[in-house]
Amino acid sequence: MKARVHVTLKNGVLDPQGKAVHHALQGLGFAGVNDVRQGKFIELELDGSDVEKARAEVREMCEKLLANTVIEDYSIELA
């Protein structure tokens, strides 16, 4: 089973990398981009087929290591 985790900064937290990408895109002529927020994408290959157990396990991984829950949000997709 695959788990996909998207980690992004919470609203209100400054995103200097996102601002740098936004500025670079404007410099390249992409004027229609209003804002950029950057995050992380993590893909995990998991053993087993119990979806609820996998979701709980990945949530624990996020809480302990993959995301800084003080300043980041995360979402989990299982496939």
N, C-alpha and C. Protein backbone atom coordinates (compact mmCIF):
# COMPACT_ATOMS: atom_id res chain seq x y z
N MET A 1 0.85 -1.17 0.00
CA MET A 1 0.00 0.00 0.00
C MET A 1 0.90 1.24 0.00
N LYS A 2 0.48 2.25 -0.76
CA LYS A 2 1.23 3.50 -0.79
C LYS A 2 0.52 4.55 0.03
N ALA A 3 1.31 5.33 0.73
CA ALA A 3 0.78 6.48 1.45
C ALA A 3 1.49 7.71 0.90
N ARG A 4 0.70 8.73 0.63
CA ARG A 4 1.25 10.00 0.17
C ARG A 4 0.93 11.05 1.22
N VAL A 5 1.97 11.77 1.64
CA VAL A 5 1.82 12.79 2.66
C VAL A 5 2.22 14.14 2.07
N HIS A 6 1.32 15.11 2.17
CA HIS A 6 1.61 16.48 1.74
C HIS A 6 1.75 17.32 3.00
N VAL A 7 2.90 17.98 3.14
CA VAL A 7 3.17 18.83 4.29
C VAL A 7 3.30 20.26 3.80
N THR A 8 2.51 21.17 4.38
CA THR A 8 2.57 22.57 4.00
C THR A 8 2.60 23.44 5.25
N LEU A 9 3.12 24.64 5.09
CA LEU A 9 3.13 25.57 6.21
C LEU A 9 1.70 26.02 6.50
N LYS A 10 1.41 26.22 7.77
CA LYS A 10 0.09 26.71 8.16
C LYS A 10 -0.09 28.14 7.65
N ASN A 11 -1.36 28.51 7.45
CA ASN A 11 -1.65 29.90 7.07
C ASN A 11 -1.12 30.83 8.14
N GLY A 12 -0.53 31.92 7.72
CA GLY A 12 0.01 32.89 8.66
C GLY A 12 1.48 32.69 8.96
N VAL A 13 2.04 31.53 8.59
CA VAL A 13 3.47 31.28 8.80
C VAL A 13 4.20 31.77 7.55
N LEU A 14 5.23 32.60 7.74
CA LEU A 14 5.99 33.12 6.62
C LEU A 14 6.64 31.99 5.84
N ASP A 15 6.66 32.14 4.52
CA ASP A 15 7.22 31.12 3.62
C ASP A 15 8.26 31.79 2.72
N PRO A 16 9.49 31.96 3.20
CA PRO A 16 10.51 32.65 2.39
C PRO A 16 10.84 31.91 1.09
N GLN A 17 10.81 30.59 1.08
CA GLN A 17 11.07 29.86 -0.15
C GLN A 17 9.95 30.10 -1.16
N GLY A 18 8.73 30.11 -0.70
CA GLY A 18 7.60 30.40 -1.57
C GLY A 18 7.69 31.80 -2.16
N LYS A 19 8.09 32.77 -1.33
CA LYS A 19 8.26 34.14 -1.81
C LYS A 19 9.36 34.22 -2.85
N ALA A 20 10.46 33.50 -2.65
CA ALA A 20 11.56 33.49 -3.62
C ALA A 20 11.12 32.90 -4.95
N VAL A 21 10.35 31.82 -4.90
CA VAL A 21 9.84 31.20 -6.14
C VAL A 21 8.87 32.16 -6.82
N HIS A 22 8.01 32.81 -6.06
CA HIS A 22 7.06 33.77 -6.62
C HIS A 22 7.80 34.90 -7.33
N HIS A 23 8.81 35.44 -6.69
CA HIS A 23 9.60 36.53 -7.28
C HIS A 23 10.29 36.05 -8.56
N ALA A 24 10.85 34.84 -8.55
CA ALA A 24 11.52 34.29 -9.73
C ALA A 24 10.54 34.09 -10.88
N LEU A 25 9.34 33.59 -10.57
CA LEU A 25 8.33 33.39 -11.62
C LEU A 25 7.92 34.73 -12.24
N GLN A 26 7.76 35.74 -11.41
CA GLN A 26 7.44 37.07 -11.95
C GLN A 26 8.56 37.57 -12.85
N GLY A 27 9.81 37.34 -12.44
CA GLY A 27 10.96 37.73 -13.24
C GLY A 27 11.03 37.02 -14.58
N LEU A 28 10.45 35.83 -14.64
CA LEU A 28 10.42 35.07 -15.89
C LEU A 28 9.20 35.39 -16.74
N GLY A 29 8.38 36.33 -16.28
CA GLY A 29 7.25 36.77 -17.07
C GLY A 29 5.92 36.12 -16.72
N PHE A 30 5.86 35.34 -15.66
CA PHE A 30 4.61 34.70 -15.24
C PHE A 30 3.87 35.63 -14.27
N ALA A 31 3.25 36.67 -14.83
CA ALA A 31 2.63 37.71 -14.01
C ALA A 31 1.32 37.26 -13.38
N GLY A 32 0.72 36.20 -13.87
CA GLY A 32 -0.56 35.75 -13.35
C GLY A 32 -0.50 34.97 -12.05
N VAL A 33 0.68 34.73 -11.53
CA VAL A 33 0.83 34.00 -10.27
C VAL A 33 0.74 35.00 -9.12
N ASN A 34 -0.27 34.84 -8.26
CA ASN A 34 -0.49 35.79 -7.17
C ASN A 34 0.28 35.44 -5.90
N ASP A 35 0.49 34.17 -5.65
CA ASP A 35 1.18 33.76 -4.42
C ASP A 35 1.71 32.34 -4.62
N VAL A 36 2.76 32.01 -3.90
CA VAL A 36 3.34 30.66 -3.94
C VAL A 36 3.58 30.20 -2.51
N ARG A 37 3.14 29.01 -2.20
CA ARG A 37 3.42 28.36 -0.91
C ARG A 37 4.13 27.06 -1.24
N GLN A 38 5.24 26.82 -0.60
CA GLN A 38 6.02 25.62 -0.87
C GLN A 38 5.84 24.62 0.26
N GLY A 39 5.91 23.35 -0.08
CA GLY A 39 5.76 22.32 0.93
C GLY A 39 6.59 21.09 0.59
N LYS A 40 6.25 19.98 1.23
CA LYS A 40 6.96 18.71 1.01
C LYS A 40 5.96 17.65 0.59
N PHE A 41 6.42 16.74 -0.23
CA PHE A 41 5.63 15.58 -0.64
C PHE A 41 6.44 14.34 -0.28
N ILE A 42 5.85 13.45 0.49
CA ILE A 42 6.54 12.25 0.95
C ILE A 42 5.69 11.05 0.55
N GLU A 43 6.31 10.07 -0.11
CA GLU A 43 5.61 8.86 -0.52
C GLU A 43 6.21 7.69 0.23
N LEU A 44 5.35 6.91 0.86
CA LEU A 44 5.76 5.76 1.67
C LEU A 44 5.16 4.49 1.10
N GLU A 45 5.93 3.43 1.04
CA GLU A 45 5.43 2.11 0.67
C GLU A 45 5.27 1.33 1.96
N LEU A 46 4.04 0.91 2.25
CA LEU A 46 3.73 0.25 3.53
C LEU A 46 3.35 -1.21 3.33
N ASP A 47 3.66 -2.04 4.33
CA ASP A 47 3.21 -3.43 4.34
C ASP A 47 1.76 -3.48 4.80
N GLY A 48 1.07 -4.51 4.41
CA GLY A 48 -0.28 -4.75 4.92
C GLY A 48 -1.35 -4.14 4.04
N SER A 49 -2.60 -4.46 4.40
CA SER A 49 -3.73 -3.99 3.62
C SER A 49 -4.82 -3.35 4.48
N ASP A 50 -4.60 -3.25 5.77
CA ASP A 50 -5.58 -2.64 6.68
C ASP A 50 -5.47 -1.11 6.57
N VAL A 51 -6.44 -0.49 5.91
CA VAL A 51 -6.38 0.93 5.63
C VAL A 51 -6.39 1.77 6.91
N GLU A 52 -7.24 1.43 7.85
CA GLU A 52 -7.33 2.22 9.08
C GLU A 52 -6.05 2.13 9.91
N LYS A 53 -5.46 0.93 9.96
CA LYS A 53 -4.19 0.77 10.68
C LYS A 53 -3.09 1.58 9.99
N ALA A 54 -3.05 1.53 8.66
CA ALA A 54 -2.05 2.28 7.90
C ALA A 54 -2.22 3.77 8.12
N ARG A 55 -3.46 4.25 8.08
CA ARG A 55 -3.70 5.69 8.28
C ARG A 55 -3.24 6.13 9.67
N ALA A 56 -3.53 5.33 10.68
CA ALA A 56 -3.11 5.66 12.05
C ALA A 56 -1.59 5.67 12.16
N GLU A 57 -0.96 4.71 11.51
CA GLU A 57 0.50 4.62 11.56
C GLU A 57 1.15 5.82 10.87
N VAL A 58 0.64 6.19 9.71
CA VAL A 58 1.19 7.34 8.99
C VAL A 58 0.93 8.63 9.76
N ARG A 59 -0.24 8.74 10.37
CA ARG A 59 -0.53 9.92 11.20
C ARG A 59 0.49 10.03 12.33
N GLU A 60 0.82 8.90 12.96
CA GLU A 60 1.82 8.90 14.03
C GLU A 60 3.19 9.31 13.49
N MET A 61 3.55 8.83 12.29
CA MET A 61 4.82 9.23 11.66
C MET A 61 4.87 10.74 11.45
N CYS A 62 3.75 11.29 10.99
CA CYS A 62 3.69 12.73 10.75
C CYS A 62 3.85 13.51 12.05
N GLU A 63 3.15 13.07 13.07
CA GLU A 63 3.20 13.76 14.36
C GLU A 63 4.58 13.69 15.01
N LYS A 64 5.30 12.59 14.79
CA LYS A 64 6.59 12.38 15.45
C LYS A 64 7.78 12.85 14.63
N LEU A 65 7.67 12.84 13.28
CA LEU A 65 8.86 13.10 12.47
C LEU A 65 8.61 13.91 11.20
N LEU A 66 7.63 13.53 10.42
CA LEU A 66 7.51 14.06 9.07
C LEU A 66 7.04 15.50 9.00
N ALA A 67 6.29 15.96 9.99
CA ALA A 67 5.79 17.33 10.00
C ALA A 67 6.07 17.99 11.34
N ASN A 68 6.37 19.27 11.29
CA ASN A 68 6.49 20.06 12.51
C ASN A 68 5.10 20.66 12.74
N THR A 69 4.31 20.00 13.58
CA THR A 69 2.89 20.35 13.71
C THR A 69 2.66 21.72 14.35
N VAL A 70 3.70 22.35 14.86
CA VAL A 70 3.55 23.70 15.39
C VAL A 70 3.33 24.68 14.24
N ILE A 71 4.06 24.47 13.12
CA ILE A 71 3.98 25.42 12.00
C ILE A 71 3.51 24.79 10.69
N GLU A 72 3.31 23.46 10.68
CA GLU A 72 2.94 22.79 9.44
C GLU A 72 1.64 21.98 9.60
N ASP A 73 0.90 21.92 8.51
CA ASP A 73 -0.25 21.03 8.38
C ASP A 73 0.15 19.87 7.48
N TYR A 74 -0.57 18.76 7.57
CA TYR A 74 -0.30 17.64 6.67
C TYR A 74 -1.61 16.98 6.28
N SER A 75 -1.57 16.35 5.12
CA SER A 75 -2.71 15.54 4.67
C SER A 75 -2.16 14.19 4.21
N ILE A 76 -2.98 13.16 4.35
CA ILE A 76 -2.59 11.79 4.05
C ILE A 76 -3.52 11.21 3.00
N GLU A 77 -2.95 10.59 1.97
CA GLU A 77 -3.71 9.85 0.96
C GLU A 77 -3.20 8.42 0.96
N LEU A 78 -4.09 7.46 0.96
CA LEU A 78 -3.70 6.05 0.87
C LEU A 78 -4.20 5.48 -0.44
N ALA A 79 -3.33 4.69 -1.10
CA ALA A 79 -3.71 4.07 -2.37
C ALA A 79 -3.33 2.60 -2.37
